[in-house]
Amino acid sequence: MKINFYDPLVWLFISGLLLAACTFLPLRIQNDNLRNFVMRWVLVPVSVVIIAYSYPVGIEVFKNIALIWKS
């Protein structure tokens, strides 16, 4: 089974999961040292994935939706 990363549902799931991690992990972690570690070594790479994957694929997904609605 091959995952199509340009599928709107896959994009929505991955983007939602990554954005939820960036939002809720710093709020849930009470230990300052652990929070600092997670923010540097987990959330920075997650943010890079958001920039490198979610934005370009989101543009393509909404472009395809606009083209479908236009016709």
N, C-alpha and C. Protein backbone atom coordinates (compact mmCIF):
# COMPACT_ATOMS: atom_id res chain seq x y z
N MET A 1 0.83 -1.18 0.00
CA MET A 1 0.00 0.00 0.00
C MET A 1 0.88 1.24 0.00
N LYS A 2 0.64 2.10 -0.96
CA LYS A 2 1.44 3.31 -1.09
C LYS A 2 0.60 4.51 -0.63
N ILE A 3 1.18 5.35 0.22
CA ILE A 3 0.47 6.51 0.72
C ILE A 3 0.66 7.67 -0.25
N ASN A 4 -0.43 8.28 -0.64
CA ASN A 4 -0.38 9.44 -1.51
C ASN A 4 -0.35 10.69 -0.62
N PHE A 5 0.81 11.32 -0.52
CA PHE A 5 0.97 12.45 0.37
C PHE A 5 0.28 13.71 -0.16
N TYR A 6 -0.20 13.69 -1.40
CA TYR A 6 -0.94 14.82 -1.96
C TYR A 6 -2.45 14.66 -1.79
N ASP A 7 -2.88 13.58 -1.18
CA ASP A 7 -4.31 13.37 -0.92
C ASP A 7 -4.75 14.37 0.16
N PRO A 8 -5.87 15.05 -0.04
CA PRO A 8 -6.30 16.06 0.94
C PRO A 8 -6.50 15.51 2.35
N LEU A 9 -6.99 14.29 2.49
CA LEU A 9 -7.20 13.74 3.82
C LEU A 9 -5.89 13.42 4.52
N VAL A 10 -4.92 12.92 3.77
CA VAL A 10 -3.60 12.64 4.34
C VAL A 10 -2.95 13.95 4.76
N TRP A 11 -3.04 14.97 3.88
CA TRP A 11 -2.48 16.28 4.20
C TRP A 11 -3.14 16.87 5.44
N LEU A 12 -4.45 16.77 5.53
CA LEU A 12 -5.17 17.32 6.67
C LEU A 12 -4.79 16.61 7.96
N PHE A 13 -4.67 15.29 7.92
CA PHE A 13 -4.30 14.53 9.10
C PHE A 13 -2.88 14.85 9.57
N ILE A 14 -1.93 14.86 8.64
CA ILE A 14 -0.54 15.13 9.00
C ILE A 14 -0.39 16.56 9.52
N SER A 15 -0.99 17.52 8.83
CA SER A 15 -0.90 18.91 9.26
C SER A 15 -1.54 19.12 10.62
N GLY A 16 -2.70 18.53 10.82
CA GLY A 16 -3.37 18.66 12.10
C GLY A 16 -2.58 18.04 13.24
N LEU A 17 -2.00 16.88 12.98
CA LEU A 17 -1.19 16.20 13.99
C LEU A 17 0.05 17.03 14.36
N LEU A 18 0.73 17.56 13.35
CA LEU A 18 1.94 18.35 13.61
C LEU A 18 1.61 19.66 14.32
N LEU A 19 0.56 20.33 13.89
CA LEU A 19 0.18 21.58 14.55
C LEU A 19 -0.31 21.34 15.98
N ALA A 20 -1.00 20.23 16.21
CA ALA A 20 -1.42 19.89 17.57
C ALA A 20 -0.21 19.60 18.46
N ALA A 21 0.79 18.94 17.91
CA ALA A 21 2.01 18.68 18.70
C ALA A 21 2.70 19.98 19.07
N CYS A 22 2.78 20.91 18.13
CA CYS A 22 3.42 22.19 18.41
C CYS A 22 2.62 23.03 19.41
N THR A 23 1.32 22.80 19.47
CA THR A 23 0.48 23.58 20.37
C THR A 23 0.43 22.97 21.77
N PHE A 24 0.18 21.68 21.86
CA PHE A 24 -0.12 21.09 23.15
C PHE A 24 1.09 20.55 23.91
N LEU A 25 2.16 20.16 23.24
CA LEU A 25 3.31 19.65 23.98
C LEU A 25 3.92 20.68 24.92
N PRO A 26 4.18 21.91 24.49
CA PRO A 26 4.74 22.88 25.44
C PRO A 26 3.78 23.21 26.59
N LEU A 27 2.49 23.13 26.35
CA LEU A 27 1.53 23.43 27.42
C LEU A 27 1.43 22.30 28.44
N ARG A 28 1.57 21.05 27.99
CA ARG A 28 1.40 19.90 28.87
C ARG A 28 2.63 19.58 29.71
N ILE A 29 3.81 19.92 29.24
CA ILE A 29 5.04 19.56 29.94
C ILE A 29 5.30 20.59 31.03
N GLN A 30 5.37 20.14 32.27
CA GLN A 30 5.55 21.04 33.42
C GLN A 30 7.02 21.25 33.76
N ASN A 31 7.86 20.26 33.53
CA ASN A 31 9.28 20.36 33.86
C ASN A 31 9.97 21.28 32.84
N ASP A 32 10.61 22.34 33.32
CA ASP A 32 11.23 23.31 32.42
C ASP A 32 12.36 22.72 31.59
N ASN A 33 13.17 21.86 32.18
CA ASN A 33 14.28 21.26 31.44
C ASN A 33 13.77 20.34 30.34
N LEU A 34 12.76 19.55 30.66
CA LEU A 34 12.18 18.67 29.65
C LEU A 34 11.48 19.47 28.56
N ARG A 35 10.78 20.52 28.94
CA ARG A 35 10.10 21.37 27.95
C ARG A 35 11.12 22.02 27.01
N ASN A 36 12.24 22.49 27.56
CA ASN A 36 13.29 23.09 26.74
C ASN A 36 13.87 22.06 25.77
N PHE A 37 14.10 20.85 26.24
CA PHE A 37 14.62 19.78 25.39
C PHE A 37 13.64 19.46 24.27
N VAL A 38 12.36 19.30 24.60
CA VAL A 38 11.34 18.96 23.60
C VAL A 38 11.20 20.09 22.59
N MET A 39 11.24 21.33 23.06
CA MET A 39 11.09 22.44 22.12
C MET A 39 12.27 22.51 21.14
N ARG A 40 13.46 22.19 21.59
CA ARG A 40 14.63 22.26 20.69
C ARG A 40 14.76 21.05 19.78
N TRP A 41 14.55 19.86 20.31
CA TRP A 41 14.87 18.65 19.56
C TRP A 41 13.67 17.94 18.95
N VAL A 42 12.47 18.33 19.32
CA VAL A 42 11.28 17.73 18.73
C VAL A 42 10.50 18.76 17.92
N LEU A 43 10.21 19.89 18.52
CA LEU A 43 9.33 20.85 17.87
C LEU A 43 10.00 21.64 16.75
N VAL A 44 11.29 21.85 16.82
CA VAL A 44 11.97 22.53 15.71
C VAL A 44 11.94 21.65 14.45
N PRO A 45 12.28 20.35 14.52
CA PRO A 45 12.12 19.52 13.31
C PRO A 45 10.66 19.39 12.86
N VAL A 46 9.73 19.35 13.79
CA VAL A 46 8.32 19.30 13.42
C VAL A 46 7.94 20.57 12.66
N SER A 47 8.43 21.71 13.11
CA SER A 47 8.14 22.97 12.42
C SER A 47 8.76 23.01 11.03
N VAL A 48 9.92 22.42 10.88
CA VAL A 48 10.55 22.35 9.56
C VAL A 48 9.71 21.47 8.62
N VAL A 49 9.17 20.38 9.14
CA VAL A 49 8.29 19.53 8.33
C VAL A 49 7.03 20.30 7.94
N ILE A 50 6.49 21.08 8.86
CA ILE A 50 5.32 21.89 8.53
C ILE A 50 5.65 22.85 7.39
N ILE A 51 6.80 23.50 7.48
CA ILE A 51 7.19 24.45 6.43
C ILE A 51 7.47 23.74 5.12
N ALA A 52 8.16 22.61 5.17
CA ALA A 52 8.58 21.93 3.95
C ALA A 52 7.47 21.08 3.31
N TYR A 53 6.52 20.59 4.10
CA TYR A 53 5.48 19.70 3.56
C TYR A 53 4.10 20.35 3.56
N SER A 54 3.66 20.82 4.69
CA SER A 54 2.27 21.25 4.82
C SER A 54 1.93 22.45 3.96
N TYR A 55 2.78 23.44 3.92
CA TYR A 55 2.48 24.63 3.12
C TYR A 55 2.44 24.34 1.63
N PRO A 56 3.48 23.71 1.03
CA PRO A 56 3.40 23.45 -0.41
C PRO A 56 2.27 22.50 -0.80
N VAL A 57 2.08 21.46 -0.03
CA VAL A 57 1.01 20.51 -0.35
C VAL A 57 -0.35 21.17 -0.14
N GLY A 58 -0.46 22.01 0.87
CA GLY A 58 -1.71 22.74 1.09
C GLY A 58 -2.05 23.65 -0.08
N ILE A 59 -1.06 24.29 -0.64
CA ILE A 59 -1.28 25.12 -1.81
C ILE A 59 -1.79 24.27 -2.97
N GLU A 60 -1.19 23.10 -3.18
CA GLU A 60 -1.63 22.22 -4.26
C GLU A 60 -3.05 21.69 -4.01
N VAL A 61 -3.34 21.34 -2.77
CA VAL A 61 -4.67 20.81 -2.44
C VAL A 61 -5.73 21.87 -2.72
N PHE A 62 -5.50 23.09 -2.25
CA PHE A 62 -6.50 24.13 -2.46
C PHE A 62 -6.55 24.58 -3.92
N LYS A 63 -5.44 24.47 -4.64
CA LYS A 63 -5.47 24.76 -6.07
C LYS A 63 -6.35 23.75 -6.80
N ASN A 64 -6.20 22.48 -6.45
CA ASN A 64 -7.03 21.44 -7.06
C ASN A 64 -8.50 21.61 -6.70
N ILE A 65 -8.77 21.99 -5.46
CA ILE A 65 -10.16 22.23 -5.06
C ILE A 65 -10.75 23.40 -5.86
N ALA A 66 -9.97 24.45 -6.02
CA ALA A 66 -10.45 25.61 -6.79
C ALA A 66 -10.70 25.26 -8.25
N LEU A 67 -9.84 24.43 -8.83
CA LEU A 67 -10.01 24.03 -10.21
C LEU A 67 -11.23 23.12 -10.39
N ILE A 68 -11.50 22.30 -9.38
CA ILE A 68 -12.69 21.44 -9.44
C ILE A 68 -13.95 22.29 -9.34
N TRP A 69 -13.98 23.26 -8.44
CA TRP A 69 -15.16 24.11 -8.26
C TRP A 69 -15.38 25.03 -9.45
N LYS A 70 -14.29 25.38 -10.14
CA LYS A 70 -14.40 26.29 -11.30
C LYS A 70 -15.13 25.63 -12.45
N SER A 71 -14.90 24.33 -12.64
CA SER A 71 -15.53 23.66 -13.78
C SER A 71 -16.91 23.17 -13.50
